[in-house]
Amino acid sequence: MGKQYKRSFKVYSAWNYQREIEDLNRASEQGWQLVRGGCFHSVFEKNPNVQYRYQLDYRRIDNMGRYIETFREQGWEYVNSVFNGWHYFRKLYDPTQPEQAYEIFTDRESMAEMNNRWANLALGIGIALGLFALVSLVQLIRMPNLPRLVRFLTFALESGVLLRGVGIMKNPSASRSRKGDSTLVAVFFAVILLGAAGYVLLTLARPHFNTAQSAAEITEPVADNRWAYFEVPYPDNYYLDLDMRAELPMTFSVLDADGQAVYTQTGTEFTGSNVRLRLPKGSYCFSLTCDSGFSLSCDLD
């Protein structure tokens, strides 16, 4: 009978890599030996005739050959590496040997060094994401809308989870007793994907255009001249930049599908930036009424 393989799609946090090691050891006891480990996807081969103990190491390697040879000299077989810097090793299990024989790091300093390599990288990323979250929060406070809220929450959650992981990685004993980490990390990656997709889709769906009307003089009054019809896909705050000039008072309006004004500005001169319009979902247009020469430009976002 041919070889049997199975795939696993478990998600592990970097700061709780001991849980992945324990799962790999348990799978080996059940006859499933790791062929290729990965962040989200691992492959196992059925082989009940051997049993291994697994370990992971995190580092960036310049000389991969020498790195693997160093572990081989200590009895460790190289399995594979992952793009993000994690490396899988295994050693044949001998029940007569103490468990300490299957520790890849034999002293606290070596383990702390490995943990710190990941923690330092994650700390930089976490701080950067925190700064992005802070900038997004300032923009959200100044001009609140749904895309900015999604962007802020995405950055804030990513930063919070990574910085939490840094704290745990600095204390290796804590990483072995964290419950619910797999769910948290799954939610973390889901938020990254859904947050990014949500922000892009919400931003693209919003009406965004610049339009202008002007006339040096007019022969007869203009009454309720409608143009720039647009759709609002979801209720939110939308922002209008408006600049209008006229010899006599003129009126600019934003009308809904029933012709009711949701925003009106009247005068001979007005300049407004980021005028907030709270618009429900629906159809809208701009309207102009004037009795003299005029110029008008508006930008909706």
C-alpha atoms as a PDB file:
ATOM      1  CA  MET A   1       0.000   0.000   0.000  1.00  0.00           C
ATOM      2  CA  GLY A   2       1.317   3.474  -0.883  1.00  0.00           C
ATOM      3  CA  LYS A   3       2.244   6.212   1.510  1.00  0.00           C
ATOM      4  CA  GLN A   4      -0.514   7.960   3.383  1.00  0.00           C
ATOM      5  CA  TYR A   5      -0.463  11.696   3.893  1.00  0.00           C
ATOM      6  CA  LYS A   6      -2.631  14.158   5.744  1.00  0.00           C
ATOM      7  CA  ARG A   7      -2.715  17.940   5.994  1.00  0.00           C
ATOM      8  CA  SER A   8      -3.193  20.097   9.045  1.00  0.00           C
ATOM      9  CA  PHE A   9      -4.405  23.690   8.985  1.00  0.00           C
ATOM     10  CA  LYS A  10      -3.858  24.648  12.616  1.00  0.00           C
ATOM     11  CA  VAL A  11      -2.802  28.185  13.484  1.00  0.00           C
ATOM     12  CA  TYR A  12      -0.199  28.846  16.181  1.00  0.00           C
ATOM     13  CA  SER A  13       1.136  32.039  17.674  1.00  0.00           C
ATOM     14  CA  ALA A  14       4.877  32.599  17.450  1.00  0.00           C
ATOM     15  CA  TRP A  15       5.012  33.290  21.182  1.00  0.00           C
ATOM     16  CA  ASN A  16       3.324  29.950  21.918  1.00  0.00           C
ATOM     17  CA  TYR A  17       5.447  27.785  19.632  1.00  0.00           C
ATOM     18  CA  GLN A  18       5.737  25.231  22.436  1.00  0.00           C
ATOM     19  CA  ARG A  19       2.132  24.254  21.775  1.00  0.00           C
ATOM     20  CA  GLU A  20       2.987  23.470  18.158  1.00  0.00           C
ATOM     21  CA  ILE A  21       5.935  21.357  19.336  1.00  0.00           C
ATOM     22  CA  GLU A  22       3.649  19.444  21.686  1.00  0.00           C
ATOM     23  CA  ASP A  23       1.151  18.820  18.873  1.00  0.00           C
ATOM     24  CA  LEU A  24       3.914  17.589  16.556  1.00  0.00           C
ATOM     25  CA  ASN A  25       5.186  15.207  19.241  1.00  0.00           C
ATOM     26  CA  ARG A  26       1.674  13.936  19.870  1.00  0.00           C
ATOM     27  CA  ALA A  27       1.101  13.365  16.151  1.00  0.00           C
ATOM     28  CA  SER A  28       4.394  11.437  15.957  1.00  0.00           C
ATOM     29  CA  GLU A  29       3.270   9.185  18.824  1.00  0.00           C
ATOM     30  CA  GLN A  30       0.140   8.447  16.778  1.00  0.00           C
ATOM     31  CA  GLY A  31       2.244   7.487  13.738  1.00  0.00           C
ATOM     32  CA  TRP A  32       2.051  10.752  11.792  1.00  0.00           C
ATOM     33  CA  GLN A  33       5.496  12.189  10.984  1.00  0.00           C
ATOM     34  CA  LEU A  34       6.011  15.742   9.805  1.00  0.00           C
ATOM     35  CA  VAL A  35       7.009  16.154   6.153  1.00  0.00           C
ATOM     36  CA  ARG A  36       6.662  19.931   5.895  1.00  0.00           C
ATOM     37  CA  GLY A  37       5.770  22.395   8.626  1.00  0.00           C
ATOM     38  CA  GLY A  38       4.226  25.781   7.958  1.00  0.00           C
ATOM     39  CA  CYS A  39       2.528  28.822   9.432  1.00  0.00           C
ATOM     40  CA  PHE A  40      -0.973  27.691   8.488  1.00  0.00           C
ATOM     41  CA  HIS A  41      -0.458  24.406   6.656  1.00  0.00           C
ATOM     42  CA  SER A  42       1.551  21.305   7.593  1.00  0.00           C
ATOM     43  CA  VAL A  43       1.880  17.942   5.851  1.00  0.00           C
ATOM     44  CA  PHE A  44       2.286  14.600   7.642  1.00  0.00           C
ATOM     45  CA  GLU A  45       3.199  11.121   6.426  1.00  0.00           C
ATOM     46  CA  LYS A  46       1.854   7.968   8.049  1.00  0.00           C
ATOM     47  CA  ASN A  47       4.758   5.975   9.537  1.00  0.00           C
ATOM     48  CA  PRO A  48       4.047   4.169  12.819  1.00  0.00           C
ATOM     49  CA  ASN A  49       7.470   2.497  12.816  1.00  0.00           C
ATOM     50  CA  VAL A  50       9.329   5.545  14.156  1.00  0.00           C
ATOM     51  CA  GLN A  51       8.732   8.238  16.711  1.00  0.00           C
ATOM     52  CA  TYR A  52      10.323  11.664  16.853  1.00  0.00           C
ATOM     53  CA  ARG A  53      10.652  14.622  19.162  1.00  0.00           C
ATOM     54  CA  TYR A  54      10.369  17.960  17.379  1.00  0.00           C
ATOM     55  CA  GLN A  55      11.811  21.397  18.023  1.00  0.00           C
ATOM     56  CA  LEU A  56      11.604  24.808  16.351  1.00  0.00           C
ATOM     57  CA  ASP A  57      14.209  27.518  16.006  1.00  0.00           C
ATOM     58  CA  TYR A  58      13.767  31.101  14.866  1.00  0.00           C
ATOM     59  CA  ARG A  59      16.581  33.019  13.163  1.00  0.00           C
ATOM     60  CA  ARG A  60      17.659  34.525   9.866  1.00  0.00           C
ATOM     61  CA  ILE A  61      20.319  32.346   8.254  1.00  0.00           C
ATOM     62  CA  ASP A  62      23.214  33.464   6.045  1.00  0.00           C
ATOM     63  CA  ASN A  63      24.853  30.033   5.675  1.00  0.00           C
ATOM     64  CA  MET A  64      22.036  27.486   5.623  1.00  0.00           C
ATOM     65  CA  GLY A  65      24.332  24.535   4.985  1.00  0.00           C
ATOM     66  CA  ARG A  66      26.488  25.253   8.016  1.00  0.00           C
ATOM     67  CA  TYR A  67      23.397  25.941  10.132  1.00  0.00           C
ATOM     68  CA  ILE A  68      21.841  22.545   9.304  1.00  0.00           C
ATOM     69  CA  GLU A  69      25.170  20.774   9.803  1.00  0.00           C
ATOM     70  CA  THR A  70      25.520  22.278  13.287  1.00  0.00           C
ATOM     71  CA  PHE A  71      22.194  20.768  14.333  1.00  0.00           C
ATOM     72  CA  ARG A  72      22.961  17.477  12.596  1.00  0.00           C
ATOM     73  CA  GLU A  73      26.112  17.142  14.668  1.00  0.00           C
ATOM     74  CA  GLN A  74      23.899  17.362  17.746  1.00  0.00           C
ATOM     75  CA  GLY A  75      21.613  14.601  16.467  1.00  0.00           C
ATOM     76  CA  TRP A  76      18.882  16.778  14.964  1.00  0.00           C
ATOM     77  CA  GLU A  77      17.431  16.072  11.521  1.00  0.00           C
ATOM     78  CA  TYR A  78      16.402  19.117   9.505  1.00  0.00           C
ATOM     79  CA  VAL A  79      12.791  19.001   8.233  1.00  0.00           C
ATOM     80  CA  ASN A  80      12.175  22.350   6.534  1.00  0.00           C
ATOM     81  CA  SER A  81      12.102  26.118   6.964  1.00  0.00           C
ATOM     82  CA  VAL A  82       9.308  28.652   6.614  1.00  0.00           C
ATOM     83  CA  PHE A  83       9.568  32.018   4.870  1.00  0.00           C
ATOM     84  CA  ASN A  84       9.130  33.926   8.129  1.00  0.00           C
ATOM     85  CA  GLY A  85      12.302  32.543   9.714  1.00  0.00           C
ATOM     86  CA  TRP A  86      11.127  29.443  11.598  1.00  0.00           C
ATOM     87  CA  HIS A  87      12.990  26.139  11.149  1.00  0.00           C
ATOM     88  CA  TYR A  88      11.750  22.634  11.980  1.00  0.00           C
ATOM     89  CA  PHE A  89      13.998  19.901  13.388  1.00  0.00           C
ATOM     90  CA  ARG A  90      13.390  16.412  14.742  1.00  0.00           C
ATOM     91  CA  LYS A  91      15.276  13.691  16.593  1.00  0.00           C
ATOM     92  CA  LEU A  92      14.475   9.980  16.858  1.00  0.00           C
ATOM     93  CA  TYR A  93      12.818   9.319  20.194  1.00  0.00           C
ATOM     94  CA  ASP A  94      14.441   6.911  22.630  1.00  0.00           C
ATOM     95  CA  PRO A  95      12.275   6.349  25.716  1.00  0.00           C
ATOM     96  CA  THR A  96      15.383   5.486  27.724  1.00  0.00           C
ATOM     97  CA  GLN A  97      16.693   9.012  27.277  1.00  0.00           C
ATOM     98  CA  PRO A  98      15.599  11.863  29.561  1.00  0.00           C
ATOM     99  CA  GLU A  99      13.351  14.539  28.072  1.00  0.00           C
ATOM    100  CA  GLN A 100      16.190  17.032  28.445  1.00  0.00           C
ATOM    101  CA  ALA A 101      17.931  15.215  25.594  1.00  0.00           C
ATOM    102  CA  TYR A 102      15.250  16.556  23.251  1.00  0.00           C
ATOM    103  CA  GLU A 103      15.621  20.199  24.184  1.00  0.00           C
ATOM    104  CA  ILE A 104      17.138  22.192  21.332  1.00  0.00           C
ATOM    105  CA  PHE A 105      18.399  24.771  23.822  1.00  0.00           C
ATOM    106  CA  THR A 106      20.179  23.429  26.876  1.00  0.00           C
ATOM    107  CA  ASP A 107      20.290  26.664  28.883  1.00  0.00           C
ATOM    108  CA  ARG A 108      18.040  29.625  29.618  1.00  0.00           C
ATOM    109  CA  GLU A 109      20.356  32.073  27.887  1.00  0.00           C
ATOM    110  CA  SER A 110      20.120  30.268  24.536  1.00  0.00           C
ATOM    111  CA  MET A 111      16.321  30.068  24.727  1.00  0.00           C
ATOM    112  CA  ALA A 112      16.080  33.718  25.740  1.00  0.00           C
ATOM    113  CA  GLU A 113      18.305  34.654  22.792  1.00  0.00           C
ATOM    114  CA  MET A 114      16.016  32.808  20.367  1.00  0.00           C
ATOM    115  CA  ASN A 115      12.904  34.349  21.920  1.00  0.00           C
ATOM    116  CA  ASN A 116      14.433  37.802  21.784  1.00  0.00           C
ATOM    117  CA  ARG A 117      15.182  37.476  18.069  1.00  0.00           C
ATOM    118  CA  TRP A 118      11.483  37.125  17.346  1.00  0.00           C
ATOM    119  CA  ALA A 119      10.402  39.558  20.064  1.00  0.00           C
ATOM    120  CA  ASN A 120      12.656  42.343  18.753  1.00  0.00           C
ATOM    121  CA  LEU A 121      11.269  41.963  15.228  1.00  0.00           C
ATOM    122  CA  ALA A 122       7.682  41.839  16.495  1.00  0.00           C
ATOM    123  CA  LEU A 123       8.280  44.845  18.749  1.00  0.00           C
ATOM    124  CA  GLY A 124       9.333  46.970  15.779  1.00  0.00           C
ATOM    125  CA  ILE A 125       6.333  45.867  13.740  1.00  0.00           C
ATOM    126  CA  GLY A 126       3.985  46.310  16.702  1.00  0.00           C
ATOM    127  CA  ILE A 127       5.216  49.851  17.368  1.00  0.00           C
ATOM    128  CA  ALA A 128       4.883  50.734  13.673  1.00  0.00           C
ATOM    129  CA  LEU A 129       1.316  49.387  13.624  1.00  0.00           C
ATOM    130  CA  GLY A 130       0.600  51.308  16.825  1.00  0.00           C
ATOM    131  CA  LEU A 131       1.765  54.533  15.166  1.00  0.00           C
ATOM    132  CA  PHE A 132      -0.439  53.774  12.148  1.00  0.00           C
ATOM    133  CA  ALA A 133      -3.338  53.209  14.555  1.00  0.00           C
ATOM    134  CA  LEU A 134      -2.624  56.549  16.273  1.00  0.00           C
ATOM    135  CA  VAL A 135      -2.562  58.423  12.958  1.00  0.00           C
ATOM    136  CA  SER A 136      -5.773  56.658  11.927  1.00  0.00           C
ATOM    137  CA  LEU A 137      -7.387  57.622  15.247  1.00  0.00           C
ATOM    138  CA  VAL A 138      -6.504  61.293  14.746  1.00  0.00           C
ATOM    139  CA  GLN A 139      -7.970  61.176  11.225  1.00  0.00           C
ATOM    140  CA  LEU A 140     -11.041  59.359  12.534  1.00  0.00           C
ATOM    141  CA  ILE A 141     -11.626  62.017  15.199  1.00  0.00           C
ATOM    142  CA  ARG A 142     -11.179  64.845  12.694  1.00  0.00           C
ATOM    143  CA  MET A 143     -13.250  63.286   9.918  1.00  0.00           C
ATOM    144  CA  PRO A 144     -15.184  60.252  11.189  1.00  0.00           C
ATOM    145  CA  ASN A 145     -16.415  57.733   8.653  1.00  0.00           C
ATOM    146  CA  LEU A 146     -16.707  53.961   8.377  1.00  0.00           C
ATOM    147  CA  PRO A 147     -13.513  53.254   6.328  1.00  0.00           C
ATOM    148  CA  ARG A 148     -11.384  55.206   8.814  1.00  0.00           C
ATOM    149  CA  LEU A 149     -12.999  53.343  11.720  1.00  0.00           C
ATOM    150  CA  VAL A 150     -12.229  49.977  10.082  1.00  0.00           C
ATOM    151  CA  ARG A 151      -8.631  51.049   9.404  1.00  0.00           C
ATOM    152  CA  PHE A 152      -8.106  52.232  12.989  1.00  0.00           C
ATOM    153  CA  LEU A 153      -9.554  49.063  14.538  1.00  0.00           C
ATOM    154  CA  THR A 154      -7.474  46.863  12.218  1.00  0.00           C
ATOM    155  CA  PHE A 155      -4.184  48.593  13.065  1.00  0.00           C
ATOM    156  CA  ALA A 156      -5.011  48.790  16.784  1.00  0.00           C
ATOM    157  CA  LEU A 157      -5.862  45.094  17.062  1.00  0.00           C
ATOM    158  CA  GLU A 158      -2.791  43.998  15.077  1.00  0.00           C
ATOM    159  CA  SER A 159      -0.538  46.160  17.239  1.00  0.00           C
ATOM    160  CA  GLY A 160      -2.154  44.984  20.473  1.00  0.00           C
ATOM    161  CA  VAL A 161      -1.831  41.295  19.626  1.00  0.00           C
ATOM    162  CA  LEU A 162       1.807  41.608  18.524  1.00  0.00           C
ATOM    163  CA  LEU A 163       2.823  43.625  21.589  1.00  0.00           C
ATOM    164  CA  ARG A 164       1.045  41.091  23.790  1.00  0.00           C
ATOM    165  CA  GLY A 165       3.080  38.391  22.066  1.00  0.00           C
ATOM    166  CA  VAL A 166       6.303  40.316  22.721  1.00  0.00           C
ATOM    167  CA  GLY A 167       5.498  40.411  26.427  1.00  0.00           C
ATOM    168  CA  ILE A 168       4.823  36.668  26.498  1.00  0.00           C
ATOM    169  CA  MET A 169       7.942  35.847  24.473  1.00  0.00           C
ATOM    170  CA  LYS A 170      10.033  37.713  27.030  1.00  0.00           C
ATOM    171  CA  ASN A 171       8.660  35.276  29.618  1.00  0.00           C
ATOM    172  CA  PRO A 172       8.853  31.796  28.019  1.00  0.00           C
ATOM    173  CA  SER A 173       7.129  30.032  30.913  1.00  0.00           C
ATOM    174  CA  ALA A 174       4.001  32.135  30.382  1.00  0.00           C
ATOM    175  CA  SER A 175       3.744  31.124  26.730  1.00  0.00           C
ATOM    176  CA  ARG A 176       3.044  27.521  27.705  1.00  0.00           C
ATOM    177  CA  SER A 177      -0.014  28.278  29.774  1.00  0.00           C
ATOM    178  CA  ARG A 178      -1.903  30.700  27.566  1.00  0.00           C
ATOM    179  CA  LYS A 179      -5.340  29.344  26.722  1.00  0.00           C
ATOM    180  CA  GLY A 180      -7.271  30.427  23.668  1.00  0.00           C
ATOM    181  CA  ASP A 181      -4.159  31.583  21.832  1.00  0.00           C
ATOM    182  CA  SER A 182      -5.000  29.602  18.700  1.00  0.00           C
ATOM    183  CA  THR A 183      -8.401  31.270  18.497  1.00  0.00           C
ATOM    184  CA  LEU A 184      -6.881  34.680  19.145  1.00  0.00           C
ATOM    185  CA  VAL A 185      -4.283  34.233  16.403  1.00  0.00           C
ATOM    186  CA  ALA A 186      -6.937  32.946  13.965  1.00  0.00           C
ATOM    187  CA  VAL A 187      -9.005  36.041  14.723  1.00  0.00           C
ATOM    188  CA  PHE A 188      -5.853  38.173  14.335  1.00  0.00           C
ATOM    189  CA  PHE A 189      -5.212  36.946  10.794  1.00  0.00           C
ATOM    190  CA  ALA A 190      -8.920  37.123   9.945  1.00  0.00           C
ATOM    191  CA  VAL A 191      -8.980  40.761  11.070  1.00  0.00           C
ATOM    192  CA  ILE A 192      -5.947  41.534   8.899  1.00  0.00           C
ATOM    193  CA  LEU A 193      -7.632  40.084   5.817  1.00  0.00           C
ATOM    194  CA  LEU A 194     -11.164  41.297   6.513  1.00  0.00           C
ATOM    195  CA  GLY A 195      -9.982  44.691   7.764  1.00  0.00           C
ATOM    196  CA  ALA A 196      -7.847  45.353   4.703  1.00  0.00           C
ATOM    197  CA  ALA A 197     -10.534  44.074   2.329  1.00  0.00           C
ATOM    198  CA  GLY A 198     -13.251  45.981   4.170  1.00  0.00           C
ATOM    199  CA  TYR A 199     -11.315  49.241   4.085  1.00  0.00           C
ATOM    200  CA  VAL A 200     -10.583  48.939   0.350  1.00  0.00           C
ATOM    201  CA  LEU A 201     -14.145  47.930  -0.566  1.00  0.00           C
ATOM    202  CA  LEU A 202     -15.770  50.617   1.584  1.00  0.00           C
ATOM    203  CA  THR A 203     -13.424  53.265   0.179  1.00  0.00           C
ATOM    204  CA  LEU A 204     -13.952  52.230  -3.449  1.00  0.00           C
ATOM    205  CA  ALA A 205     -17.735  52.116  -3.011  1.00  0.00           C
ATOM    206  CA  ARG A 206     -17.916  55.709  -1.786  1.00  0.00           C
ATOM    207  CA  PRO A 207     -18.763  58.464  -4.275  1.00  0.00           C
ATOM    208  CA  HIS A 208     -15.689  60.525  -5.022  1.00  0.00           C
ATOM    209  CA  PHE A 209     -15.598  63.152  -7.725  1.00  0.00           C
ATOM    210  CA  ASN A 210     -14.847  66.771  -8.485  1.00  0.00           C
ATOM    211  CA  THR A 211     -17.246  68.889 -10.480  1.00  0.00           C
ATOM    212  CA  ALA A 212     -17.594  72.554 -11.405  1.00  0.00           C
ATOM    213  CA  GLN A 213     -20.045  75.022 -12.954  1.00  0.00           C
ATOM    214  CA  SER A 214     -19.311  78.566 -14.085  1.00  0.00           C
ATOM    215  CA  ALA A 215     -20.634  81.390 -16.277  1.00  0.00           C
ATOM    216  CA  ALA A 216     -19.237  84.902 -16.736  1.00  0.00           C
ATOM    217  CA  GLU A 217     -22.796  86.135 -17.152  1.00  0.00           C
ATOM    218  CA  ILE A 218     -26.262  84.674 -17.674  1.00  0.00           C
ATOM    219  CA  THR A 219     -29.146  86.009 -19.773  1.00  0.00           C
ATOM    220  CA  GLU A 220     -31.871  84.632 -17.501  1.00  0.00           C
ATOM    221  CA  PRO A 221     -32.008  83.322 -13.938  1.00  0.00           C
ATOM    222  CA  VAL A 222     -31.043  79.700 -13.313  1.00  0.00           C
ATOM    223  CA  ALA A 223     -33.513  77.889 -11.073  1.00  0.00           C
ATOM    224  CA  ASP A 224     -32.772  74.472  -9.565  1.00  0.00           C
ATOM    225  CA  ASN A 225     -30.262  73.358 -12.189  1.00  0.00           C
ATOM    226  CA  ARG A 226     -29.491  69.735 -11.211  1.00  0.00           C
ATOM    227  CA  TRP A 227     -26.350  67.805 -12.115  1.00  0.00           C
ATOM    228  CA  ALA A 228     -23.723  65.377 -10.733  1.00  0.00           C
ATOM    229  CA  TYR A 229     -26.109  62.568  -9.842  1.00  0.00           C
ATOM    230  CA  PHE A 230     -24.515  60.016  -7.519  1.00  0.00           C
ATOM    231  CA  GLU A 231     -25.318  57.017  -5.340  1.00  0.00           C
ATOM    232  CA  VAL A 232     -24.514  56.629  -1.651  1.00  0.00           C
ATOM    233  CA  PRO A 233     -23.989  52.878  -1.044  1.00  0.00           C
ATOM    234  CA  TYR A 234     -24.195  52.918   2.754  1.00  0.00           C
ATOM    235  CA  PRO A 235     -25.145  55.468   5.433  1.00  0.00           C
ATOM    236  CA  ASP A 236     -22.083  57.349   6.638  1.00  0.00           C
ATOM    237  CA  ASN A 237     -20.410  60.720   6.930  1.00  0.00           C
ATOM    238  CA  TYR A 238     -19.356  62.128   3.572  1.00  0.00           C
ATOM    239  CA  TYR A 239     -17.280  65.257   3.072  1.00  0.00           C
ATOM    240  CA  LEU A 240     -17.708  68.166   0.699  1.00  0.00           C
ATOM    241  CA  ASP A 241     -15.168  70.790  -0.355  1.00  0.00           C
ATOM    242  CA  LEU A 242     -17.127  73.745  -1.733  1.00  0.00           C
ATOM    243  CA  ASP A 243     -16.015  77.012  -3.299  1.00  0.00           C
ATOM    244  CA  MET A 244     -18.598  79.387  -4.803  1.00  0.00           C
ATOM    245  CA  ARG A 245     -18.522  82.991  -6.030  1.00  0.00           C
ATOM    246  CA  ALA A 246     -21.293  85.132  -7.567  1.00  0.00           C
ATOM    247  CA  GLU A 247     -22.256  88.764  -8.164  1.00  0.00           C
ATOM    248  CA  LEU A 248     -25.651  88.172  -6.566  1.00  0.00           C
ATOM    249  CA  PRO A 249     -26.592  85.631  -3.884  1.00  0.00           C
ATOM    250  CA  MET A 250     -26.669  82.076  -5.242  1.00  0.00           C
ATOM    251  CA  THR A 251     -27.838  78.808  -3.707  1.00  0.00           C
ATOM    252  CA  PHE A 252     -26.069  75.464  -3.836  1.00  0.00           C
ATOM    253  CA  SER A 253     -27.871  72.365  -2.534  1.00  0.00           C
ATOM    254  CA  VAL A 254     -27.433  68.636  -2.205  1.00  0.00           C
ATOM    255  CA  LEU A 255     -30.781  67.005  -2.944  1.00  0.00           C
ATOM    256  CA  ASP A 256     -32.000  63.493  -2.152  1.00  0.00           C
ATOM    257  CA  ALA A 257     -34.088  61.286  -4.463  1.00  0.00           C
ATOM    258  CA  ASP A 258     -37.268  63.112  -3.377  1.00  0.00           C
ATOM    259  CA  GLY A 259     -35.787  66.503  -4.220  1.00  0.00           C
ATOM    260  CA  GLN A 260     -35.396  67.450  -0.558  1.00  0.00           C
ATOM    261  CA  ALA A 261     -32.311  69.444   0.357  1.00  0.00           C
ATOM    262  CA  VAL A 262     -29.974  67.663   2.794  1.00  0.00           C
ATOM    263  CA  TYR A 263     -27.462  70.516   2.582  1.00  0.00           C
ATOM    264  CA  THR A 264     -27.829  74.113   1.393  1.00  0.00           C
ATOM    265  CA  GLN A 265     -25.456  77.056   1.156  1.00  0.00           C
ATOM    266  CA  THR A 266     -26.569  80.531   0.034  1.00  0.00           C
ATOM    267  CA  GLY A 267     -24.492  83.661  -0.520  1.00  0.00           C
ATOM    268  CA  THR A 268     -22.221  85.527  -2.885  1.00  0.00           C
ATOM    269  CA  GLU A 269     -19.041  83.960  -1.547  1.00  0.00           C
ATOM    270  CA  PHE A 270     -18.357  80.769   0.364  1.00  0.00           C
ATOM    271  CA  THR A 271     -15.370  78.462   0.822  1.00  0.00           C
ATOM    272  CA  GLY A 272     -15.804  75.332   2.912  1.00  0.00           C
ATOM    273  CA  SER A 273     -13.432  72.423   3.413  1.00  0.00           C
ATOM    274  CA  ASN A 274     -14.517  68.997   4.593  1.00  0.00           C
ATOM    275  CA  VAL A 275     -18.110  69.996   5.212  1.00  0.00           C
ATOM    276  CA  ARG A 276     -19.647  66.940   6.857  1.00  0.00           C
ATOM    277  CA  LEU A 277     -22.778  65.500   5.259  1.00  0.00           C
ATOM    278  CA  ARG A 278     -24.543  62.686   7.088  1.00  0.00           C
ATOM    279  CA  LEU A 279     -26.133  60.857   4.152  1.00  0.00           C
ATOM    280  CA  PRO A 280     -28.383  57.787   4.320  1.00  0.00           C
ATOM    281  CA  LYS A 281     -28.139  55.219   1.561  1.00  0.00           C
ATOM    282  CA  GLY A 282     -29.796  56.492  -1.595  1.00  0.00           C
ATOM    283  CA  SER A 283     -29.605  58.688  -4.713  1.00  0.00           C
ATOM    284  CA  TYR A 284     -28.470  62.306  -4.634  1.00  0.00           C
ATOM    285  CA  CYS A 285     -27.538  65.196  -6.895  1.00  0.00           C
ATOM    286  CA  PHE A 286     -26.304  68.792  -6.756  1.00  0.00           C
ATOM    287  CA  SER A 287     -28.556  71.750  -7.461  1.00  0.00           C
ATOM    288  CA  LEU A 288     -27.747  75.365  -8.358  1.00  0.00           C
ATOM    289  CA  THR A 289     -29.933  78.483  -8.324  1.00  0.00           C
ATOM    290  CA  CYS A 290     -28.503  81.889  -9.287  1.00  0.00           C
ATOM    291  CA  ASP A 291     -29.337  85.204 -10.949  1.00  0.00           C
ATOM    292  CA  SER A 292     -25.907  86.399 -12.071  1.00  0.00           C
ATOM    293  CA  GLY A 293     -22.504  85.299 -13.306  1.00  0.00           C
ATOM    294  CA  PHE A 294     -20.936  82.754 -11.001  1.00  0.00           C
ATOM    295  CA  SER A 295     -18.257  80.137 -10.465  1.00  0.00           C
ATOM    296  CA  LEU A 296     -18.637  77.025  -8.375  1.00  0.00           C
ATOM    297  CA  SER A 297     -16.507  73.956  -7.710  1.00  0.00           C
ATOM    298  CA  CYS A 298     -17.111  71.090  -5.324  1.00  0.00           C
ATOM    299  CA  ASP A 299     -15.321  67.898  -4.376  1.00  0.00           C
ATOM    300  CA  LEU A 300     -17.208  65.071  -2.701  1.00  0.00           C
ATOM    301  CA  ASP A 301     -15.557  62.211  -0.818  1.00  0.00           C
END
